[in-house]
Amino acid sequence: MKSKTDINNIKNNNEDIEINAIETCLSILNNKKNELDKQLDTINDDEQGLNILAVMDYLNKLIVNCQKDLDIKIERGYIHENDREGDI
């Protein structure tokens, strides 16, 4: 049988993993959005431009959802942004 401390450590480790996963997703989504934004400036084809804008709109929605999830996880875990290592 696991002790209460072991269970709390597992829970904390899982929350850290979830936070890291969300931060990684946010970073990837933001990088992709920035790449598309730069690409959009060089495109002369209207249809391709509209497709990129649609993808960027979807990426923005994903970014907002990921940020909300991250904020909730941080708030629930009483983890303060300044206590985390790394940056998005």
PDB file of N, CA and C in Angstrom:
ATOM      1  N   MET A   1       0.836  -1.175   0.000  1.00  0.00           N
ATOM      2  CA  MET A   1       0.000   0.000   0.000  1.00  0.00           C
ATOM      3  C   MET A   1       0.883   1.240   0.000  1.00  0.00           C
ATOM      4  N   LYS A   2       0.541   2.187  -0.818  1.00  0.00           N
ATOM      5  CA  LYS A   2       1.335   3.406  -0.931  1.00  0.00           C
ATOM      6  C   LYS A   2       0.981   4.362   0.195  1.00  0.00           C
ATOM      7  N   SER A   3       1.986   5.069   0.658  1.00  0.00           N
ATOM      8  CA  SER A   3       1.756   6.053   1.708  1.00  0.00           C
ATOM      9  C   SER A   3       1.140   7.308   1.103  1.00  0.00           C
ATOM     10  N   LYS A   4       0.608   8.138   1.982  1.00  0.00           N
ATOM     11  CA  LYS A   4      -0.008   9.387   1.544  1.00  0.00           C
ATOM     12  C   LYS A   4       1.029  10.281   0.854  1.00  0.00           C
ATOM     13  N   THR A   5       2.264  10.258   1.352  1.00  0.00           N
ATOM     14  CA  THR A   5       3.335  11.043   0.750  1.00  0.00           C
ATOM     15  C   THR A   5       3.632  10.567  -0.661  1.00  0.00           C
ATOM     16  N   ASP A   6       3.680   9.246  -0.853  1.00  0.00           N
ATOM     17  CA  ASP A   6       3.933   8.696  -2.189  1.00  0.00           C
ATOM     18  C   ASP A   6       2.837   9.107  -3.162  1.00  0.00           C
ATOM     19  N   ILE A   7       1.602   9.039  -2.711  1.00  0.00           N
ATOM     20  CA  ILE A   7       0.463   9.408  -3.568  1.00  0.00           C
ATOM     21  C   ILE A   7       0.531  10.886  -3.924  1.00  0.00           C
ATOM     22  N   ASN A   8       0.873  11.747  -2.943  1.00  0.00           N
ATOM     23  CA  ASN A   8       1.005  13.183  -3.214  1.00  0.00           C
ATOM     24  C   ASN A   8       2.146  13.463  -4.183  1.00  0.00           C
ATOM     25  N   ASN A   9       3.263  12.719  -4.039  1.00  0.00           N
ATOM     26  CA  ASN A   9       4.390  12.896  -4.959  1.00  0.00           C
ATOM     27  C   ASN A   9       4.007  12.504  -6.382  1.00  0.00           C
ATOM     28  N   ILE A  10       3.279  11.413  -6.518  1.00  0.00           N
ATOM     29  CA  ILE A  10       2.812  10.980  -7.843  1.00  0.00           C
ATOM     30  C   ILE A  10       1.887  12.022  -8.446  1.00  0.00           C
ATOM     31  N   LYS A  11       0.972  12.551  -7.630  1.00  0.00           N
ATOM     32  CA  LYS A  11       0.036  13.571  -8.101  1.00  0.00           C
ATOM     33  C   LYS A  11       0.789  14.819  -8.552  1.00  0.00           C
ATOM     34  N   ASN A  12       1.770  15.249  -7.740  1.00  0.00           N
ATOM     35  CA  ASN A  12       2.553  16.438  -8.099  1.00  0.00           C
ATOM     36  C   ASN A  12       3.356  16.202  -9.370  1.00  0.00           C
ATOM     37  N   ASN A  13       3.942  15.019  -9.512  1.00  0.00           N
ATOM     38  CA  ASN A  13       4.698  14.699 -10.719  1.00  0.00           C
ATOM     39  C   ASN A  13       3.806  14.717 -11.946  1.00  0.00           C
ATOM     40  N   ASN A  14       2.595  14.170 -11.824  1.00  0.00           N
ATOM     41  CA  ASN A  14       1.655  14.164 -12.946  1.00  0.00           C
ATOM     42  C   ASN A  14       1.265  15.584 -13.330  1.00  0.00           C
ATOM     43  N   GLU A  15       1.043  16.447 -12.324  1.00  0.00           N
ATOM     44  CA  GLU A  15       0.684  17.828 -12.627  1.00  0.00           C
ATOM     45  C   GLU A  15       1.841  18.554 -13.295  1.00  0.00           C
ATOM     46  N   ASP A  16       3.062  18.287 -12.846  1.00  0.00           N
ATOM     47  CA  ASP A  16       4.231  18.894 -13.493  1.00  0.00           C
ATOM     48  C   ASP A  16       4.330  18.443 -14.945  1.00  0.00           C
ATOM     49  N   ILE A  17       4.082  17.173 -15.187  1.00  0.00           N
ATOM     50  CA  ILE A  17       4.127  16.635 -16.551  1.00  0.00           C
ATOM     51  C   ILE A  17       3.046  17.291 -17.408  1.00  0.00           C
ATOM     52  N   GLU A  18       1.847  17.442 -16.854  1.00  0.00           N
ATOM     53  CA  GLU A  18       0.758  18.075 -17.603  1.00  0.00           C
ATOM     54  C   GLU A  18       1.095  19.528 -17.928  1.00  0.00           C
ATOM     55  N   ILE A  19       1.643  20.242 -16.962  1.00  0.00           N
ATOM     56  CA  ILE A  19       2.006  21.642 -17.195  1.00  0.00           C
ATOM     57  C   ILE A  19       3.087  21.735 -18.256  1.00  0.00           C
ATOM     58  N   ASN A  20       4.094  20.884 -18.160  1.00  0.00           N
ATOM     59  CA  ASN A  20       5.154  20.885 -19.173  1.00  0.00           C
ATOM     60  C   ASN A  20       4.607  20.552 -20.552  1.00  0.00           C
ATOM     61  N   ALA A  21       3.678  19.621 -20.626  1.00  0.00           N
ATOM     62  CA  ALA A  21       3.084  19.246 -21.909  1.00  0.00           C
ATOM     63  C   ALA A  21       2.306  20.417 -22.505  1.00  0.00           C
ATOM     64  N   ILE A  22       1.539  21.107 -21.688  1.00  0.00           N
ATOM     65  CA  ILE A  22       0.768  22.252 -22.176  1.00  0.00           C
ATOM     66  C   ILE A  22       1.705  23.368 -22.630  1.00  0.00           C
ATOM     67  N   GLU A  23       2.759  23.629 -21.851  1.00  0.00           N
ATOM     68  CA  GLU A  23       3.720  24.659 -22.238  1.00  0.00           C
ATOM     69  C   GLU A  23       4.407  24.305 -23.560  1.00  0.00           C
ATOM     70  N   THR A  24       4.717  23.040 -23.739  1.00  0.00           N
ATOM     71  CA  THR A  24       5.334  22.594 -24.991  1.00  0.00           C
ATOM     72  C   THR A  24       4.379  22.801 -26.156  1.00  0.00           C
ATOM     73  N   CYS A  25       3.123  22.426 -25.965  1.00  0.00           N
ATOM     74  CA  CYS A  25       2.118  22.630 -27.020  1.00  0.00           C
ATOM     75  C   CYS A  25       1.978  24.108 -27.364  1.00  0.00           C
ATOM     76  N   LEU A  26       1.934  24.957 -26.343  1.00  0.00           N
ATOM     77  CA  LEU A  26       1.825  26.395 -26.582  1.00  0.00           C
ATOM     78  C   LEU A  26       3.018  26.908 -27.390  1.00  0.00           C
ATOM     79  N   SER A  27       4.178  26.457 -27.034  1.00  0.00           N
ATOM     80  CA  SER A  27       5.385  26.884 -27.741  1.00  0.00           C
ATOM     81  C   SER A  27       5.338  26.468 -29.210  1.00  0.00           C
ATOM     82  N   ILE A  28       4.960  25.226 -29.456  1.00  0.00           N
ATOM     83  CA  ILE A  28       4.874  24.720 -30.833  1.00  0.00           C
ATOM     84  C   ILE A  28       3.811  25.468 -31.630  1.00  0.00           C
ATOM     85  N   LEU A  29       2.649  25.677 -31.026  1.00  0.00           N
ATOM     86  CA  LEU A  29       1.576  26.390 -31.717  1.00  0.00           C
ATOM     87  C   LEU A  29       1.985  27.819 -32.049  1.00  0.00           C
ATOM     88  N   ASN A  30       2.616  28.495 -31.095  1.00  0.00           N
ATOM     89  CA  ASN A  30       3.054  29.874 -31.338  1.00  0.00           C
ATOM     90  C   ASN A  30       4.130  29.931 -32.418  1.00  0.00           C
ATOM     91  N   ASN A  31       5.056  28.982 -32.401  1.00  0.00           N
ATOM     92  CA  ASN A  31       6.095  28.950 -33.444  1.00  0.00           C
ATOM     93  C   ASN A  31       5.485  28.738 -34.823  1.00  0.00           C
ATOM     94  N   LYS A  32       4.543  27.809 -34.919  1.00  0.00           N
ATOM     95  CA  LYS A  32       3.895  27.532 -36.205  1.00  0.00           C
ATOM     96  C   LYS A  32       3.113  28.750 -36.685  1.00  0.00           C
ATOM     97  N   LYS A  33       2.413  29.406 -35.765  1.00  0.00           N
ATOM     98  CA  LYS A  33       1.653  30.600 -36.121  1.00  0.00           C
ATOM     99  C   LYS A  33       2.590  31.691 -36.641  1.00  0.00           C
ATOM    100  N   ASN A  34       3.729  31.868 -35.986  1.00  0.00           N
ATOM    101  CA  ASN A  34       4.710  32.868 -36.433  1.00  0.00           C
ATOM    102  C   ASN A  34       5.276  32.529 -37.808  1.00  0.00           C
ATOM    103  N   GLU A  35       5.544  31.240 -38.047  1.00  0.00           N
ATOM    104  CA  GLU A  35       6.027  30.810 -39.359  1.00  0.00           C
ATOM    105  C   GLU A  35       5.006  31.127 -40.446  1.00  0.00           C
ATOM    106  N   LEU A  36       3.741  30.811 -40.167  1.00  0.00           N
ATOM    107  CA  LEU A  36       2.686  31.073 -41.147  1.00  0.00           C
ATOM    108  C   LEU A  36       2.507  32.569 -41.378  1.00  0.00           C
ATOM    109  N   ASP A  37       2.646  33.343 -40.322  1.00  0.00           N
ATOM    110  CA  ASP A  37       2.513  34.791 -40.433  1.00  0.00           C
ATOM    111  C   ASP A  37       3.587  35.347 -41.362  1.00  0.00           C
ATOM    112  N   LYS A  38       4.816  34.865 -41.226  1.00  0.00           N
ATOM    113  CA  LYS A  38       5.901  35.292 -42.111  1.00  0.00           C
ATOM    114  C   LYS A  38       5.654  34.824 -43.541  1.00  0.00           C
ATOM    115  N   GLN A  39       5.152  33.601 -43.677  1.00  0.00           N
ATOM    116  CA  GLN A  39       4.881  33.038 -45.002  1.00  0.00           C
ATOM    117  C   GLN A  39       3.770  33.814 -45.695  1.00  0.00           C
ATOM    118  N   LEU A  40       2.806  34.263 -44.929  1.00  0.00           N
ATOM    119  CA  LEU A  40       1.659  34.987 -45.482  1.00  0.00           C
ATOM    120  C   LEU A  40       2.099  36.254 -46.211  1.00  0.00           C
ATOM    121  N   ASP A  41       3.144  36.895 -45.689  1.00  0.00           N
ATOM    122  CA  ASP A  41       3.640  38.128 -46.313  1.00  0.00           C
ATOM    123  C   ASP A  41       4.235  37.895 -47.695  1.00  0.00           C
ATOM    124  N   THR A  42       4.648  36.674 -47.999  1.00  0.00           N
ATOM    125  CA  THR A  42       5.320  36.394 -49.274  1.00  0.00           C
ATOM    126  C   THR A  42       4.388  35.764 -50.308  1.00  0.00           C
ATOM    127  N   ILE A  43       3.144  35.490 -49.936  1.00  0.00           N
ATOM    128  CA  ILE A  43       2.216  34.777 -50.832  1.00  0.00           C
ATOM    129  C   ILE A  43       1.421  35.759 -51.675  1.00  0.00           C
ATOM    130  N   ASN A  44       1.355  35.466 -52.962  1.00  0.00           N
ATOM    131  CA  ASN A  44       0.585  36.297 -53.891  1.00  0.00           C
ATOM    132  C   ASN A  44      -0.722  35.634 -54.303  1.00  0.00           C
ATOM    133  N   ASP A  45      -0.869  34.353 -54.033  1.00  0.00           N
ATOM    134  CA  ASP A  45      -2.064  33.592 -54.411  1.00  0.00           C
ATOM    135  C   ASP A  45      -3.143  33.797 -53.339  1.00  0.00           C
ATOM    136  N   ASP A  46      -4.285  34.366 -53.751  1.00  0.00           N
ATOM    137  CA  ASP A  46      -5.353  34.672 -52.800  1.00  0.00           C
ATOM    138  C   ASP A  46      -5.899  33.430 -52.105  1.00  0.00           C
ATOM    139  N   GLU A  47      -6.081  32.355 -52.863  1.00  0.00           N
ATOM    140  CA  GLU A  47      -6.645  31.132 -52.272  1.00  0.00           C
ATOM    141  C   GLU A  47      -5.703  30.555 -51.220  1.00  0.00           C
ATOM    142  N   GLN A  48      -4.432  30.515 -51.530  1.00  0.00           N
ATOM    143  CA  GLN A  48      -3.452  29.998 -50.576  1.00  0.00           C
ATOM    144  C   GLN A  48      -3.387  30.917 -49.347  1.00  0.00           C
ATOM    145  N   GLY A  49      -3.480  32.210 -49.573  1.00  0.00           N
ATOM    146  CA  GLY A  49      -3.488  33.173 -48.473  1.00  0.00           C
ATOM    147  C   GLY A  49      -4.678  32.969 -47.553  1.00  0.00           C
ATOM    148  N   LEU A  50      -5.849  32.728 -48.140  1.00  0.00           N
ATOM    149  CA  LEU A  50      -7.053  32.483 -47.335  1.00  0.00           C
ATOM    150  C   LEU A  50      -6.924  31.189 -46.535  1.00  0.00           C
ATOM    151  N   ASN A  51      -6.319  30.178 -47.147  1.00  0.00           N
ATOM    152  CA  ASN A  51      -6.102  28.918 -46.424  1.00  0.00           C
ATOM    153  C   ASN A  51      -5.184  29.125 -45.222  1.00  0.00           C
ATOM    154  N   ILE A  52      -4.126  29.905 -45.420  1.00  0.00           N
ATOM    155  CA  ILE A  52      -3.201  30.175 -44.319  1.00  0.00           C
ATOM    156  C   ILE A  52      -3.896  30.976 -43.223  1.00  0.00           C
ATOM    157  N   LEU A  53      -4.707  31.939 -43.601  1.00  0.00           N
ATOM    158  CA  LEU A  53      -5.452  32.721 -42.601  1.00  0.00           C
ATOM    159  C   LEU A  53      -6.404  31.827 -41.804  1.00  0.00           C
ATOM    160  N   ALA A  54      -7.028  30.880 -42.477  1.00  0.00           N
ATOM    161  CA  ALA A  54      -7.931  29.953 -41.788  1.00  0.00           C
ATOM    162  C   ALA A  54      -7.155  29.089 -40.790  1.00  0.00           C
ATOM    163  N   VAL A  55      -5.986  28.617 -41.202  1.00  0.00           N
ATOM    164  CA  VAL A  55      -5.156  27.805 -40.307  1.00  0.00           C
ATOM    165  C   VAL A  55      -4.693  28.648 -39.122  1.00  0.00           C
ATOM    166  N   MET A  56      -4.301  29.890 -39.384  1.00  0.00           N
ATOM    167  CA  MET A  56      -3.853  30.774 -38.309  1.00  0.00           C
ATOM    168  C   MET A  56      -4.989  31.060 -37.326  1.00  0.00           C
ATOM    169  N   ASP A  57      -6.194  31.209 -37.836  1.00  0.00           N
ATOM    170  CA  ASP A  57      -7.356  31.422 -36.963  1.00  0.00           C
ATOM    171  C   ASP A  57      -7.557  30.217 -36.052  1.00  0.00           C
ATOM    172  N   TYR A  58      -7.435  29.026 -36.627  1.00  0.00           N
ATOM    173  CA  TYR A  58      -7.583  27.802 -35.838  1.00  0.00           C
ATOM    174  C   TYR A  58      -6.459  27.684 -34.806  1.00  0.00           C
ATOM    175  N   LEU A  59      -5.241  28.014 -35.213  1.00  0.00           N
ATOM    176  CA  LEU A  59      -4.115  27.982 -34.278  1.00  0.00           C
ATOM    177  C   LEU A  59      -4.341  28.964 -33.123  1.00  0.00           C
ATOM    178  N   ASN A  60      -4.887  30.128 -33.420  1.00  0.00           N
ATOM    179  CA  ASN A  60      -5.192  31.097 -32.368  1.00  0.00           C
ATOM    180  C   ASN A  60      -6.175  30.525 -31.357  1.00  0.00           C
ATOM    181  N   LYS A  61      -7.182  29.817 -31.850  1.00  0.00           N
ATOM    182  CA  LYS A  61      -8.162  29.198 -30.945  1.00  0.00           C
ATOM    183  C   LYS A  61      -7.501  28.129 -30.081  1.00  0.00           C
ATOM    184  N   LEU A  62      -6.625  27.338 -30.676  1.00  0.00           N
ATOM    185  CA  LEU A  62      -5.903  26.316 -29.909  1.00  0.00           C
ATOM    186  C   LEU A  62      -5.002  26.954 -28.857  1.00  0.00           C
ATOM    187  N   ILE A  63      -4.343  28.039 -29.229  1.00  0.00           N
ATOM    188  CA  ILE A  63      -3.460  28.743 -28.291  1.00  0.00           C
ATOM    189  C   ILE A  63      -4.257  29.273 -27.104  1.00  0.00           C
ATOM    190  N   VAL A  64      -5.403  29.866 -27.376  1.00  0.00           N
ATOM    191  CA  VAL A  64      -6.247  30.392 -26.294  1.00  0.00           C
ATOM    192  C   VAL A  64      -6.684  29.260 -25.368  1.00  0.00           C
ATOM    193  N   ASN A  65      -7.111  28.137 -25.941  1.00  0.00           N
ATOM    194  CA  ASN A  65      -7.541  26.999 -25.117  1.00  0.00           C
ATOM    195  C   ASN A  65      -6.400  26.434 -24.285  1.00  0.00           C
ATOM    196  N   CYS A  66      -5.227  26.305 -24.883  1.00  0.00           N
ATOM    197  CA  CYS A  66      -4.064  25.802 -24.149  1.00  0.00           C
ATOM    198  C   CYS A  66      -3.689  26.754 -23.020  1.00  0.00           C
ATOM    199  N   GLN A  67      -3.725  28.046 -23.298  1.00  0.00           N
ATOM    200  CA  GLN A  67      -3.382  29.025 -22.264  1.00  0.00           C
ATOM    201  C   GLN A  67      -4.370  28.963 -21.109  1.00  0.00           C
ATOM    202  N   LYS A  68      -5.658  28.799 -21.418  1.00  0.00           N
ATOM    203  CA  LYS A  68      -6.664  28.661 -20.364  1.00  0.00           C
ATOM    204  C   LYS A  68      -6.396  27.420 -19.527  1.00  0.00           C
ATOM    205  N   ASP A  69      -6.099  26.291 -20.195  1.00  0.00           N
ATOM    206  CA  ASP A  69      -5.780  25.052 -19.471  1.00  0.00           C
ATOM    207  C   ASP A  69      -4.573  25.244 -18.570  1.00  0.00           C
ATOM    208  N   LEU A  70      -3.560  25.904 -19.077  1.00  0.00           N
ATOM    209  CA  LEU A  70      -2.354  26.147 -18.291  1.00  0.00           C
ATOM    210  C   LEU A  70      -2.670  27.020 -17.081  1.00  0.00           C
ATOM    211  N   ASP A  71      -3.429  28.083 -17.292  1.00  0.00           N
ATOM    212  CA  ASP A  71      -3.788  28.979 -16.194  1.00  0.00           C
ATOM    213  C   ASP A  71      -4.568  28.242 -15.112  1.00  0.00           C
ATOM    214  N   ILE A  72      -5.491  27.375 -15.525  1.00  0.00           N
ATOM    215  CA  ILE A  72      -6.283  26.601 -14.566  1.00  0.00           C
ATOM    216  C   ILE A  72      -5.391  25.652 -13.784  1.00  0.00           C
ATOM    217  N   LYS A  73      -4.498  24.950 -14.486  1.00  0.00           N
ATOM    218  CA  LYS A  73      -3.594  24.004 -13.808  1.00  0.00           C
ATOM    219  C   LYS A  73      -2.714  24.731 -12.800  1.00  0.00           C
ATOM    220  N   ILE A  74      -2.203  25.885 -13.192  1.00  0.00           N
ATOM    221  CA  ILE A  74      -1.338  26.650 -12.297  1.00  0.00           C
ATOM    222  C   ILE A  74      -2.128  27.126 -11.084  1.00  0.00           C
ATOM    223  N   GLU A  75      -3.336  27.626 -11.333  1.00  0.00           N
ATOM    224  CA  GLU A  75      -4.172  28.125 -10.248  1.00  0.00           C
ATOM    225  C   GLU A  75      -4.563  27.008  -9.279  1.00  0.00           C
ATOM    226  N   ARG A  76      -4.975  25.879  -9.810  1.00  0.00           N
ATOM    227  CA  ARG A  76      -5.383  24.759  -8.962  1.00  0.00           C
ATOM    228  C   ARG A  76      -4.218  24.173  -8.179  1.00  0.00           C
ATOM    229  N   GLY A  77      -3.047  24.185  -8.793  1.00  0.00           N
ATOM    230  CA  GLY A  77      -1.881  23.614  -8.140  1.00  0.00           C
ATOM    231  C   GLY A  77      -1.156  24.610  -7.261  1.00  0.00           C
ATOM    232  N   TYR A  78      -1.702  25.845  -7.205  1.00  0.00           N
ATOM    233  CA  TYR A  78      -1.065  26.904  -6.435  1.00  0.00           C
ATOM    234  C   TYR A  78       0.391  27.084  -6.839  1.00  0.00           C
ATOM    235  N   ILE A  79       0.632  26.881  -8.118  1.00  0.00           N
ATOM    236  CA  ILE A  79       1.978  27.074  -8.645  1.00  0.00           C
ATOM    237  C   ILE A  79       2.012  28.481  -9.225  1.00  0.00           C
ATOM    238  N   HIS A  80       2.967  29.247  -8.787  1.00  0.00           N
ATOM    239  CA  HIS A  80       3.068  30.610  -9.283  1.00  0.00           C
ATOM    240  C   HIS A  80       4.000  30.644 -10.472  1.00  0.00           C
ATOM    241  N   GLU A  81       3.659  31.462 -11.404  1.00  0.00           N
ATOM    242  CA  GLU A  81       4.416  31.559 -12.639  1.00  0.00           C
ATOM    243  C   GLU A  81       5.907  31.790 -12.371  1.00  0.00           C
ATOM    244  N   ASN A  82       6.235  32.538 -11.348  1.00  0.00           N
ATOM    245  CA  ASN A  82       7.633  32.837 -11.062  1.00  0.00           C
ATOM    246  C   ASN A  82       8.382  31.633 -10.516  1.00  0.00           C
ATOM    247  N   ASP A  83       7.675  30.626 -10.004  1.00  0.00           N
ATOM    248  CA  ASP A  83       8.315  29.451  -9.421  1.00  0.00           C
ATOM    249  C   ASP A  83       8.660  28.418 -10.471  1.00  0.00           C
ATOM    250  N   ARG A  84       8.130  28.556 -11.690  1.00  0.00           N
ATOM    251  CA  ARG A  84       8.385  27.552 -12.723  1.00  0.00           C
ATOM    252  C   ARG A  84       9.678  27.864 -13.445  1.00  0.00           C
ATOM    253  N   GLU A  85      10.325  26.796 -13.891  1.00  0.00           N
ATOM    254  CA  GLU A  85      11.548  26.969 -14.660  1.00  0.00           C
ATOM    255  C   GLU A  85      11.197  27.122 -16.127  1.00  0.00           C
ATOM    256  N   GLY A  86      12.034  27.824 -16.840  1.00  0.00           N
ATOM    257  CA  GLY A  86      11.825  27.950 -18.277  1.00  0.00           C
ATOM    258  C   GLY A  86      10.772  28.971 -18.613  1.00  0.00           C
ATOM    259  N   ASP A  87      10.640  29.201 -19.875  1.00  0.00           N
ATOM    260  CA  ASP A  87       9.686  30.177 -20.366  1.00  0.00           C
ATOM    261  C   ASP A  87       9.102  29.646 -21.654  1.00  0.00           C
ATOM    262  N   ILE A  88       7.915  30.092 -21.953  1.00  0.00           N
ATOM    263  CA  ILE A  88       7.276  29.647 -23.192  1.00  0.00           C
ATOM    264  C   ILE A  88       7.838  30.434 -24.344  1.00  0.00           C
TER     265      ILE A  88
END
